[in-house]
Amino acid sequence: MLLDTASLYFRAYFGVPESVKSPDGIPVNAVRGLLDFIARLVQDHHPDDLVACMDFDWRPQWRVDLIPSYKAHRVAEEAPAGSAEPDEEEIPDTLSPQVPVIEEVLDALGIARIGAAGYEADDIIGTLTARATGPVDIVTGDRDLFQLVDDDRGIRILYPLKGVGTLQITDGTLLREKYGVDGSGYADLALLRGDPSDGLPGVPGIGEKTAAKLLDAYGDLAGIMAAADDPASKLTPAQRKRLTEARPYVDVAPKVVRVATDVPVPDADHALPAGPADPERLEALADRWGLGGSLQRLLATLPR
């Protein structure tokens, strides 16, 4: 089980009241909400391995170099030119201080927490999924990762609809019913359709339904662009014009939209821990931040 950690703690932050606070009055709604999420996931799905995948760079420069608008609207403060540090993401004031607490608690629990410089959590998930020798459940509220669905390999997306108690089990059948593509076609669909939340413009005039029809007719993005170059193809004049004019975007967008599968991730023990890696540290964190029942519920789900 691979967790898109930032996606889940954002959902926890907005789903759990900010009145949930530490003993000294600091909001810990994202911390406790994430612990409750993980407890429910472990209880319901019994993963052998559990990895919290992290955004070490939420807006990698190599993606921005290809599409400058990539996540540009979410930048709170740009990093200095030439800096190795990523741009600062716009995050609610009361969420930012909770992220280091989440990281400390995961480490004390012994839940593997993996990221890599210059890559998003999506890329860590893509790489670990590519290396997996058995089934994989990916827990994320980000539809971009639907591209990893693979029924033959048992790779599914558990997409929270309401908390993590109600999950959309996203497999190839659901993708074909809902979007008209399978996992391997979803990235091309997203590329053509665009995604305002990520600053991806898409091909103007090509919405989700049209993109699905084009992929059904021509197989993949390369097939669609070949049809745009072929005067004998059955594309409408308007579609041919839109695709041809969007070629500069289409040429670079695949590298931006598709998750990386070759990230140099550090070695780590992915096994779901049988108990806390650092019980004393975990107890201190629980007392300091008032983690109470949320932490106890998670500890109760761990194998013993």
C-alpha atoms as a PDB file:
ATOM      1  CA  MET A   1       0.000   0.000   0.000  1.00  0.00           C
ATOM      2  CA  LEU A   2       1.438   3.325  -1.141  1.00  0.00           C
ATOM      3  CA  LEU A   3       0.126   6.540   0.416  1.00  0.00           C
ATOM      4  CA  ASP A   4       0.081   9.832  -1.454  1.00  0.00           C
ATOM      5  CA  THR A   5       0.794  11.454   1.885  1.00  0.00           C
ATOM      6  CA  ALA A   6       0.274  15.124   1.055  1.00  0.00           C
ATOM      7  CA  SER A   7      -2.999  14.352  -0.729  1.00  0.00           C
ATOM      8  CA  LEU A   8      -4.228  12.560   2.382  1.00  0.00           C
ATOM      9  CA  TYR A   9      -3.137  15.110   4.961  1.00  0.00           C
ATOM     10  CA  PHE A  10      -4.714  17.912   2.906  1.00  0.00           C
ATOM     11  CA  ARG A  11      -7.965  15.919   2.947  1.00  0.00           C
ATOM     12  CA  ALA A  12      -7.596  15.317   6.665  1.00  0.00           C
ATOM     13  CA  TYR A  13      -7.007  19.028   7.269  1.00  0.00           C
ATOM     14  CA  PHE A  14     -10.174  20.046   5.455  1.00  0.00           C
ATOM     15  CA  GLY A  15     -12.203  17.087   6.749  1.00  0.00           C
ATOM     16  CA  VAL A  16     -11.410  17.320  10.470  1.00  0.00           C
ATOM     17  CA  PRO A  17     -12.451  20.455  12.407  1.00  0.00           C
ATOM     18  CA  GLU A  18      -9.672  22.886  13.267  1.00  0.00           C
ATOM     19  CA  SER A  19     -10.998  22.802  16.824  1.00  0.00           C
ATOM     20  CA  VAL A  20      -9.026  19.547  17.226  1.00  0.00           C
ATOM     21  CA  LYS A  21      -5.985  20.967  19.013  1.00  0.00           C
ATOM     22  CA  SER A  22      -2.934  20.061  21.074  1.00  0.00           C
ATOM     23  CA  PRO A  23      -2.980  20.604  24.863  1.00  0.00           C
ATOM     24  CA  ASP A  24      -1.554  24.101  24.324  1.00  0.00           C
ATOM     25  CA  GLY A  25      -4.118  25.038  21.684  1.00  0.00           C
ATOM     26  CA  ILE A  26      -2.287  24.393  18.393  1.00  0.00           C
ATOM     27  CA  PRO A  27      -4.402  22.773  15.629  1.00  0.00           C
ATOM     28  CA  VAL A  28      -3.516  19.113  15.011  1.00  0.00           C
ATOM     29  CA  ASN A  29      -6.516  18.227  12.842  1.00  0.00           C
ATOM     30  CA  ALA A  30      -4.348  17.136   9.896  1.00  0.00           C
ATOM     31  CA  VAL A  31      -2.100  15.026  12.128  1.00  0.00           C
ATOM     32  CA  ARG A  32      -4.923  13.227  13.880  1.00  0.00           C
ATOM     33  CA  GLY A  33      -6.980  12.952  10.711  1.00  0.00           C
ATOM     34  CA  LEU A  34      -4.092  11.306   8.845  1.00  0.00           C
ATOM     35  CA  LEU A  35      -3.518   8.836  11.695  1.00  0.00           C
ATOM     36  CA  ASP A  36      -7.206   7.932  11.593  1.00  0.00           C
ATOM     37  CA  PHE A  37      -6.992   7.522   7.805  1.00  0.00           C
ATOM     38  CA  ILE A  38      -4.043   5.142   8.101  1.00  0.00           C
ATOM     39  CA  ALA A  39      -5.695   3.179  10.911  1.00  0.00           C
ATOM     40  CA  ARG A  40      -8.812   2.656   8.824  1.00  0.00           C
ATOM     41  CA  LEU A  41      -6.787   1.671   5.755  1.00  0.00           C
ATOM     42  CA  VAL A  42      -4.745  -0.893   7.674  1.00  0.00           C
ATOM     43  CA  GLN A  43      -7.830  -2.251   9.412  1.00  0.00           C
ATOM     44  CA  ASP A  44      -9.815  -2.635   6.189  1.00  0.00           C
ATOM     45  CA  HIS A  45      -7.100  -3.697   3.731  1.00  0.00           C
ATOM     46  CA  HIS A  46      -4.379  -5.435   5.816  1.00  0.00           C
ATOM     47  CA  PRO A  47      -1.356  -4.416   3.714  1.00  0.00           C
ATOM     48  CA  ASP A  48       1.882  -6.339   4.180  1.00  0.00           C
ATOM     49  CA  ASP A  49       3.906  -3.258   3.237  1.00  0.00           C
ATOM     50  CA  LEU A  50       3.031   0.393   3.813  1.00  0.00           C
ATOM     51  CA  VAL A  51       4.939   3.380   2.430  1.00  0.00           C
ATOM     52  CA  ALA A  52       4.181   7.054   3.024  1.00  0.00           C
ATOM     53  CA  CYS A  53       5.327   8.660  -0.235  1.00  0.00           C
ATOM     54  CA  MET A  54       6.424  12.278   0.154  1.00  0.00           C
ATOM     55  CA  ASP A  55       6.706  15.392  -2.020  1.00  0.00           C
ATOM     56  CA  PHE A  56      10.346  16.419  -1.643  1.00  0.00           C
ATOM     57  CA  ASP A  57       9.679  18.798  -4.529  1.00  0.00           C
ATOM     58  CA  TRP A  58       6.005  19.506  -5.234  1.00  0.00           C
ATOM     59  CA  ARG A  59       6.826  21.466  -8.436  1.00  0.00           C
ATOM     60  CA  PRO A  60      10.002  20.015  -9.973  1.00  0.00           C
ATOM     61  CA  GLN A  61      11.973  22.437 -12.115  1.00  0.00           C
ATOM     62  CA  TRP A  62      12.335  19.880 -14.917  1.00  0.00           C
ATOM     63  CA  ARG A  63       8.542  19.865 -15.288  1.00  0.00           C
ATOM     64  CA  VAL A  64       8.330  23.676 -15.105  1.00  0.00           C
ATOM     65  CA  ASP A  65      11.030  23.973 -17.790  1.00  0.00           C
ATOM     66  CA  LEU A  66       8.759  22.004 -20.133  1.00  0.00           C
ATOM     67  CA  ILE A  67       5.449  23.675 -19.177  1.00  0.00           C
ATOM     68  CA  PRO A  68       6.009  26.948 -17.251  1.00  0.00           C
ATOM     69  CA  SER A  69       2.376  27.113 -16.128  1.00  0.00           C
ATOM     70  CA  TYR A  70       2.735  23.798 -14.252  1.00  0.00           C
ATOM     71  CA  LYS A  71       1.248  24.425 -10.773  1.00  0.00           C
ATOM     72  CA  ALA A  72       2.206  28.113 -11.134  1.00  0.00           C
ATOM     73  CA  HIS A  73      -1.026  29.301  -9.525  1.00  0.00           C
ATOM     74  CA  ARG A  74      -0.137  27.416  -6.328  1.00  0.00           C
ATOM     75  CA  VAL A  75       3.214  29.126  -5.759  1.00  0.00           C
ATOM     76  CA  ALA A  76       3.258  31.192  -2.566  1.00  0.00           C
ATOM     77  CA  GLU A  77       6.880  32.287  -2.935  1.00  0.00           C
ATOM     78  CA  GLU A  78       9.406  31.558  -5.675  1.00  0.00           C
ATOM     79  CA  ALA A  79      12.786  30.167  -4.687  1.00  0.00           C
ATOM     80  CA  PRO A  80      15.780  32.399  -5.575  1.00  0.00           C
ATOM     81  CA  ALA A  81      17.217  31.798  -9.046  1.00  0.00           C
ATOM     82  CA  GLY A  82      19.730  28.967  -8.961  1.00  0.00           C
ATOM     83  CA  SER A  83      18.550  27.755  -5.562  1.00  0.00           C
ATOM     84  CA  ALA A  84      18.348  24.022  -4.891  1.00  0.00           C
ATOM     85  CA  GLU A  85      15.241  24.647  -2.807  1.00  0.00           C
ATOM     86  CA  PRO A  86      11.796  24.238  -4.417  1.00  0.00           C
ATOM     87  CA  ASP A  87       9.278  27.060  -4.715  1.00  0.00           C
ATOM     88  CA  GLU A  88       7.136  27.441  -1.615  1.00  0.00           C
ATOM     89  CA  GLU A  89       3.655  26.006  -2.052  1.00  0.00           C
ATOM     90  CA  GLU A  90       0.584  27.912  -0.947  1.00  0.00           C
ATOM     91  CA  ILE A  91      -0.587  25.989   2.137  1.00  0.00           C
ATOM     92  CA  PRO A  92      -3.065  27.088   4.831  1.00  0.00           C
ATOM     93  CA  ASP A  93      -1.256  28.784   7.714  1.00  0.00           C
ATOM     94  CA  THR A  94      -2.460  26.238  10.257  1.00  0.00           C
ATOM     95  CA  LEU A  95      -1.513  23.236   8.100  1.00  0.00           C
ATOM     96  CA  SER A  96       2.149  24.087   7.461  1.00  0.00           C
ATOM     97  CA  PRO A  97       3.248  23.615  11.110  1.00  0.00           C
ATOM     98  CA  GLN A  98       1.538  20.206  11.202  1.00  0.00           C
ATOM     99  CA  VAL A  99       3.588  18.683   8.375  1.00  0.00           C
ATOM    100  CA  PRO A 100       6.825  18.287  10.422  1.00  0.00           C
ATOM    101  CA  VAL A 101       4.762  16.739  13.226  1.00  0.00           C
ATOM    102  CA  ILE A 102       3.285  14.226  10.761  1.00  0.00           C
ATOM    103  CA  GLU A 103       6.789  13.344   9.579  1.00  0.00           C
ATOM    104  CA  GLU A 104       8.076  12.876  13.134  1.00  0.00           C
ATOM    105  CA  VAL A 105       5.127  10.680  14.112  1.00  0.00           C
ATOM    106  CA  LEU A 106       5.466   8.465  11.017  1.00  0.00           C
ATOM    107  CA  ASP A 107       9.180   8.040  11.725  1.00  0.00           C
ATOM    108  CA  ALA A 108       8.575   7.161  15.383  1.00  0.00           C
ATOM    109  CA  LEU A 109       5.939   4.652  14.331  1.00  0.00           C
ATOM    110  CA  GLY A 110       8.375   3.049  11.896  1.00  0.00           C
ATOM    111  CA  ILE A 111       6.183   3.585   8.828  1.00  0.00           C
ATOM    112  CA  ALA A 112       8.497   3.941   5.830  1.00  0.00           C
ATOM    113  CA  ARG A 113       8.545   7.554   4.619  1.00  0.00           C
ATOM    114  CA  ILE A 114      10.152   7.932   1.215  1.00  0.00           C
ATOM    115  CA  GLY A 115      10.867  10.859  -1.076  1.00  0.00           C
ATOM    116  CA  ALA A 116      13.629  11.970  -3.437  1.00  0.00           C
ATOM    117  CA  ALA A 117      15.075  15.379  -4.232  1.00  0.00           C
ATOM    118  CA  GLY A 118      13.588  16.860  -7.392  1.00  0.00           C
ATOM    119  CA  TYR A 119      10.547  14.572  -7.470  1.00  0.00           C
ATOM    120  CA  GLU A 120       6.919  14.553  -6.398  1.00  0.00           C
ATOM    121  CA  ALA A 121       5.227  11.836  -4.381  1.00  0.00           C
ATOM    122  CA  ASP A 122       3.543  10.721  -7.625  1.00  0.00           C
ATOM    123  CA  ASP A 123       6.981   9.852  -9.013  1.00  0.00           C
ATOM    124  CA  ILE A 124       7.910   7.874  -5.891  1.00  0.00           C
ATOM    125  CA  ILE A 125       4.622   5.989  -6.223  1.00  0.00           C
ATOM    126  CA  GLY A 126       5.263   5.366  -9.922  1.00  0.00           C
ATOM    127  CA  THR A 127       8.745   4.013  -9.229  1.00  0.00           C
ATOM    128  CA  LEU A 128       7.747   1.752  -6.332  1.00  0.00           C
ATOM    129  CA  THR A 129       4.786   0.477  -8.347  1.00  0.00           C
ATOM    130  CA  ALA A 130       7.048  -0.333 -11.296  1.00  0.00           C
ATOM    131  CA  ARG A 131       9.355  -2.300  -8.981  1.00  0.00           C
ATOM    132  CA  ALA A 132       6.591  -4.159  -7.142  1.00  0.00           C
ATOM    133  CA  THR A 133       6.418  -7.927  -7.582  1.00  0.00           C
ATOM    134  CA  GLY A 134       2.882  -8.260  -6.233  1.00  0.00           C
ATOM    135  CA  PRO A 135      -0.418  -6.340  -6.047  1.00  0.00           C
ATOM    136  CA  VAL A 136      -0.324  -2.649  -5.129  1.00  0.00           C
ATOM    137  CA  ASP A 137      -3.004  -0.424  -3.627  1.00  0.00           C
ATOM    138  CA  ILE A 138      -2.316   3.303  -4.116  1.00  0.00           C
ATOM    139  CA  VAL A 139      -4.256   5.618  -1.801  1.00  0.00           C
ATOM    140  CA  THR A 140      -4.670   9.089  -3.288  1.00  0.00           C
ATOM    141  CA  GLY A 141      -7.181  11.819  -3.941  1.00  0.00           C
ATOM    142  CA  ASP A 142      -5.291  12.732  -7.130  1.00  0.00           C
ATOM    143  CA  ARG A 143      -6.796  11.371 -10.343  1.00  0.00           C
ATOM    144  CA  ASP A 144      -3.434  11.761 -12.121  1.00  0.00           C
ATOM    145  CA  LEU A 145      -2.405   8.438 -10.614  1.00  0.00           C
ATOM    146  CA  PHE A 146      -5.216   6.607 -12.403  1.00  0.00           C
ATOM    147  CA  GLN A 147      -2.581   6.163 -15.138  1.00  0.00           C
ATOM    148  CA  LEU A 148      -0.950   3.457 -12.986  1.00  0.00           C
ATOM    149  CA  VAL A 149      -4.014   1.186 -12.848  1.00  0.00           C
ATOM    150  CA  ASP A 150      -3.137  -2.235 -14.261  1.00  0.00           C
ATOM    151  CA  ASP A 151      -5.546  -5.134 -13.755  1.00  0.00           C
ATOM    152  CA  ASP A 152      -3.005  -7.696 -14.951  1.00  0.00           C
ATOM    153  CA  ARG A 153      -0.606  -6.682 -12.173  1.00  0.00           C
ATOM    154  CA  GLY A 154      -3.250  -6.057  -9.520  1.00  0.00           C
ATOM    155  CA  ILE A 155      -2.564  -2.324  -9.290  1.00  0.00           C
ATOM    156  CA  ARG A 156      -5.557  -0.349  -8.048  1.00  0.00           C
ATOM    157  CA  ILE A 157      -6.230   3.183  -6.856  1.00  0.00           C
ATOM    158  CA  LEU A 158      -8.158   3.615  -3.606  1.00  0.00           C
ATOM    159  CA  TYR A 159      -9.675   7.039  -4.204  1.00  0.00           C
ATOM    160  CA  PRO A 160     -11.315   8.637  -1.142  1.00  0.00           C
ATOM    161  CA  LEU A 161     -14.831   9.888  -1.790  1.00  0.00           C
ATOM    162  CA  LYS A 162     -15.574  10.731   1.840  1.00  0.00           C
ATOM    163  CA  GLY A 163     -12.750  10.315   4.293  1.00  0.00           C
ATOM    164  CA  VAL A 164     -11.245   6.880   3.782  1.00  0.00           C
ATOM    165  CA  GLY A 165     -14.325   5.053   4.981  1.00  0.00           C
ATOM    166  CA  THR A 166     -15.818   5.447   1.500  1.00  0.00           C
ATOM    167  CA  LEU A 167     -13.255   4.599  -1.158  1.00  0.00           C
ATOM    168  CA  GLN A 168     -13.709   4.313  -4.898  1.00  0.00           C
ATOM    169  CA  ILE A 169     -11.854   1.127  -5.817  1.00  0.00           C
ATOM    170  CA  THR A 170     -10.487   2.252  -9.160  1.00  0.00           C
ATOM    171  CA  ASP A 171      -9.545  -0.569 -11.511  1.00  0.00           C
ATOM    172  CA  GLY A 172      -9.522  -0.954 -15.280  1.00  0.00           C
ATOM    173  CA  THR A 173     -13.225  -1.769 -15.431  1.00  0.00           C
ATOM    174  CA  LEU A 174     -14.182   1.422 -13.628  1.00  0.00           C
ATOM    175  CA  LEU A 175     -11.851   3.539 -15.778  1.00  0.00           C
ATOM    176  CA  ARG A 176     -13.316   2.125 -18.976  1.00  0.00           C
ATOM    177  CA  GLU A 177     -16.867   2.707 -17.727  1.00  0.00           C
ATOM    178  CA  LYS A 178     -16.222   6.229 -16.461  1.00  0.00           C
ATOM    179  CA  TYR A 179     -13.599   7.602 -18.858  1.00  0.00           C
ATOM    180  CA  GLY A 180     -13.544   5.211 -21.820  1.00  0.00           C
ATOM    181  CA  VAL A 181      -9.842   4.370 -21.325  1.00  0.00           C
ATOM    182  CA  ASP A 182      -7.764   1.963 -19.292  1.00  0.00           C
ATOM    183  CA  GLY A 183      -4.882   2.927 -17.003  1.00  0.00           C
ATOM    184  CA  SER A 184      -2.304   3.201 -19.775  1.00  0.00           C
ATOM    185  CA  GLY A 185      -4.604   5.561 -21.705  1.00  0.00           C
ATOM    186  CA  TYR A 186      -5.488   7.798 -18.785  1.00  0.00           C
ATOM    187  CA  ALA A 187      -2.325   9.920 -19.007  1.00  0.00           C
ATOM    188  CA  ASP A 188      -3.042  10.666 -22.676  1.00  0.00           C
ATOM    189  CA  LEU A 189      -6.648  11.529 -21.791  1.00  0.00           C
ATOM    190  CA  ALA A 190      -5.492  13.905 -19.033  1.00  0.00           C
ATOM    191  CA  LEU A 191      -2.905  15.475 -21.319  1.00  0.00           C
ATOM    192  CA  LEU A 192      -5.453  16.199 -24.042  1.00  0.00           C
ATOM    193  CA  ARG A 193      -8.190  17.331 -21.639  1.00  0.00           C
ATOM    194  CA  GLY A 194      -5.884  19.453 -19.511  1.00  0.00           C
ATOM    195  CA  ASP A 195      -6.062  20.011 -15.783  1.00  0.00           C
ATOM    196  CA  PRO A 196      -6.506  23.570 -14.411  1.00  0.00           C
ATOM    197  CA  SER A 197      -5.622  22.381 -10.892  1.00  0.00           C
ATOM    198  CA  ASP A 198      -2.122  21.516 -12.166  1.00  0.00           C
ATOM    199  CA  GLY A 199      -1.809  24.384 -14.641  1.00  0.00           C
ATOM    200  CA  LEU A 200      -1.951  22.062 -17.651  1.00  0.00           C
ATOM    201  CA  PRO A 201      -3.689  23.822 -20.558  1.00  0.00           C
ATOM    202  CA  GLY A 202      -4.633  20.742 -22.572  1.00  0.00           C
ATOM    203  CA  VAL A 203      -5.577  21.010 -26.233  1.00  0.00           C
ATOM    204  CA  PRO A 204      -8.132  23.844 -26.619  1.00  0.00           C
ATOM    205  CA  GLY A 205     -11.498  22.508 -27.720  1.00  0.00           C
ATOM    206  CA  ILE A 206     -10.661  18.888 -26.819  1.00  0.00           C
ATOM    207  CA  GLY A 207     -12.621  17.970 -23.710  1.00  0.00           C
ATOM    208  CA  GLU A 208     -12.736  14.682 -21.842  1.00  0.00           C
ATOM    209  CA  LYS A 209     -15.364  12.996 -24.035  1.00  0.00           C
ATOM    210  CA  THR A 210     -13.716  14.035 -27.287  1.00  0.00           C
ATOM    211  CA  ALA A 211     -10.319  12.928 -25.994  1.00  0.00           C
ATOM    212  CA  ALA A 212     -11.753   9.510 -25.078  1.00  0.00           C
ATOM    213  CA  LYS A 213     -13.304   9.135 -28.550  1.00  0.00           C
ATOM    214  CA  LEU A 214     -10.031  10.076 -30.249  1.00  0.00           C
ATOM    215  CA  LEU A 215      -8.091   7.587 -28.122  1.00  0.00           C
ATOM    216  CA  ASP A 216     -10.632   4.888 -28.937  1.00  0.00           C
ATOM    217  CA  ALA A 217     -10.301   5.648 -32.646  1.00  0.00           C
ATOM    218  CA  TYR A 218      -6.527   6.083 -32.886  1.00  0.00           C
ATOM    219  CA  GLY A 219      -5.154   4.073 -29.937  1.00  0.00           C
ATOM    220  CA  ASP A 220      -2.901   6.551 -28.183  1.00  0.00           C
ATOM    221  CA  LEU A 221      -1.499  10.073 -28.359  1.00  0.00           C
ATOM    222  CA  ALA A 222       1.005   9.152 -31.050  1.00  0.00           C
ATOM    223  CA  GLY A 223      -1.794   7.673 -33.153  1.00  0.00           C
ATOM    224  CA  ILE A 224      -3.901  10.806 -32.747  1.00  0.00           C
ATOM    225  CA  MET A 225      -1.048  13.090 -33.789  1.00  0.00           C
ATOM    226  CA  ALA A 226      -0.282  10.846 -36.762  1.00  0.00           C
ATOM    227  CA  ALA A 227      -3.930  11.201 -37.779  1.00  0.00           C
ATOM    228  CA  ALA A 228      -3.589  14.976 -37.505  1.00  0.00           C
ATOM    229  CA  ASP A 229      -0.759  14.756 -40.041  1.00  0.00           C
ATOM    230  CA  ASP A 230      -2.689  12.438 -42.357  1.00  0.00           C
ATOM    231  CA  PRO A 231      -5.072  14.288 -44.711  1.00  0.00           C
ATOM    232  CA  ALA A 232      -6.943  11.018 -45.281  1.00  0.00           C
ATOM    233  CA  SER A 233      -7.791  10.475 -41.587  1.00  0.00           C
ATOM    234  CA  LYS A 234     -11.320  10.961 -40.336  1.00  0.00           C
ATOM    235  CA  LEU A 235     -10.534  13.825 -37.975  1.00  0.00           C
ATOM    236  CA  THR A 236     -12.800  16.822 -38.446  1.00  0.00           C
ATOM    237  CA  PRO A 237     -11.101  19.944 -39.855  1.00  0.00           C
ATOM    238  CA  ALA A 238     -11.546  21.661 -36.477  1.00  0.00           C
ATOM    239  CA  GLN A 239      -9.935  18.750 -34.583  1.00  0.00           C
ATOM    240  CA  ARG A 240      -7.034  18.599 -37.035  1.00  0.00           C
ATOM    241  CA  LYS A 241      -6.449  22.355 -36.670  1.00  0.00           C
ATOM    242  CA  ARG A 242      -6.593  22.244 -32.853  1.00  0.00           C
ATOM    243  CA  LEU A 243      -4.213  19.317 -32.590  1.00  0.00           C
ATOM    244  CA  THR A 244      -1.764  20.777 -35.093  1.00  0.00           C
ATOM    245  CA  GLU A 245      -1.705  24.159 -33.355  1.00  0.00           C
ATOM    246  CA  ALA A 246      -1.205  22.452 -29.984  1.00  0.00           C
ATOM    247  CA  ARG A 247       1.764  20.380 -31.162  1.00  0.00           C
ATOM    248  CA  PRO A 248       4.372  22.371 -29.148  1.00  0.00           C
ATOM    249  CA  TYR A 249       2.387  21.516 -25.988  1.00  0.00           C
ATOM    250  CA  VAL A 250       1.697  17.916 -27.037  1.00  0.00           C
ATOM    251  CA  ASP A 251       5.393  17.313 -27.751  1.00  0.00           C
ATOM    252  CA  VAL A 252       6.500  18.149 -24.187  1.00  0.00           C
ATOM    253  CA  ALA A 253       3.421  17.348 -22.087  1.00  0.00           C
ATOM    254  CA  PRO A 254       3.879  13.548 -21.854  1.00  0.00           C
ATOM    255  CA  LYS A 255       7.007  13.923 -19.728  1.00  0.00           C
ATOM    256  CA  VAL A 256       5.150  16.320 -17.431  1.00  0.00           C
ATOM    257  CA  VAL A 257       1.908  14.345 -17.127  1.00  0.00           C
ATOM    258  CA  ARG A 258       3.312  10.832 -16.870  1.00  0.00           C
ATOM    259  CA  VAL A 259       4.770   9.884 -13.521  1.00  0.00           C
ATOM    260  CA  ALA A 260       8.430   8.962 -13.399  1.00  0.00           C
ATOM    261  CA  THR A 261       9.165   5.270 -12.881  1.00  0.00           C
ATOM    262  CA  ASP A 262      12.941   5.414 -12.475  1.00  0.00           C
ATOM    263  CA  VAL A 263      13.455   7.666  -9.447  1.00  0.00           C
ATOM    264  CA  PRO A 264      16.559   6.832  -7.341  1.00  0.00           C
ATOM    265  CA  VAL A 265      14.582   6.087  -4.179  1.00  0.00           C
ATOM    266  CA  PRO A 266      16.488   5.264  -0.998  1.00  0.00           C
ATOM    267  CA  ASP A 267      16.441   1.761   0.420  1.00  0.00           C
ATOM    268  CA  ALA A 268      13.976   1.292   3.263  1.00  0.00           C
ATOM    269  CA  ASP A 269      12.066  -1.421   5.075  1.00  0.00           C
ATOM    270  CA  HIS A 270       8.572  -1.209   3.604  1.00  0.00           C
ATOM    271  CA  ALA A 271       6.982  -3.746   5.950  1.00  0.00           C
ATOM    272  CA  LEU A 272       4.068  -2.587   8.065  1.00  0.00           C
ATOM    273  CA  PRO A 273       5.669  -2.298  11.520  1.00  0.00           C
ATOM    274  CA  ALA A 274       4.580  -4.708  14.248  1.00  0.00           C
ATOM    275  CA  GLY A 275       4.962  -1.919  16.778  1.00  0.00           C
ATOM    276  CA  PRO A 276       6.526   1.540  17.138  1.00  0.00           C
ATOM    277  CA  ALA A 277      10.114   1.919  15.991  1.00  0.00           C
ATOM    278  CA  ASP A 278      10.777   4.421  18.793  1.00  0.00           C
ATOM    279  CA  PRO A 279       8.199   3.972  21.576  1.00  0.00           C
ATOM    280  CA  GLU A 280       9.667   6.646  23.846  1.00  0.00           C
ATOM    281  CA  ARG A 281       9.761   9.248  21.097  1.00  0.00           C
ATOM    282  CA  LEU A 282       6.235   8.319  20.030  1.00  0.00           C
ATOM    283  CA  GLU A 283       4.952   8.663  23.604  1.00  0.00           C
ATOM    284  CA  ALA A 284       6.575  12.095  23.881  1.00  0.00           C
ATOM    285  CA  LEU A 285       4.987  13.195  20.606  1.00  0.00           C
ATOM    286  CA  ALA A 286       1.601  11.846  21.688  1.00  0.00           C
ATOM    287  CA  ASP A 287       1.771  13.829  24.934  1.00  0.00           C
ATOM    288  CA  ARG A 288       3.120  17.003  23.296  1.00  0.00           C
ATOM    289  CA  TRP A 289       0.498  17.080  20.543  1.00  0.00           C
ATOM    290  CA  GLY A 290      -2.430  15.356  22.236  1.00  0.00           C
ATOM    291  CA  LEU A 291      -2.711  12.574  19.652  1.00  0.00           C
ATOM    292  CA  GLY A 292      -4.886  10.486  21.978  1.00  0.00           C
ATOM    293  CA  GLY A 293      -7.373   8.109  20.399  1.00  0.00           C
ATOM    294  CA  SER A 294      -6.141   8.668  16.830  1.00  0.00           C
ATOM    295  CA  LEU A 295      -2.720   7.242  17.620  1.00  0.00           C
ATOM    296  CA  GLN A 296      -4.137   4.458  19.784  1.00  0.00           C
ATOM    297  CA  ARG A 297      -6.480   3.369  17.009  1.00  0.00           C
ATOM    298  CA  LEU A 298      -3.555   3.124  14.605  1.00  0.00           C
ATOM    299  CA  LEU A 299      -1.383   1.224  17.083  1.00  0.00           C
ATOM    300  CA  ALA A 300      -4.232  -1.250  17.638  1.00  0.00           C
ATOM    301  CA  THR A 301      -4.300  -2.127  13.932  1.00  0.00           C
ATOM    302  CA  LEU A 302      -0.587  -3.012  13.737  1.00  0.00           C
ATOM    303  CA  PRO A 303       0.302  -6.736  13.605  1.00  0.00           C
ATOM    304  CA  ARG A 304       1.630  -8.113  16.860  1.00  0.00           C
END
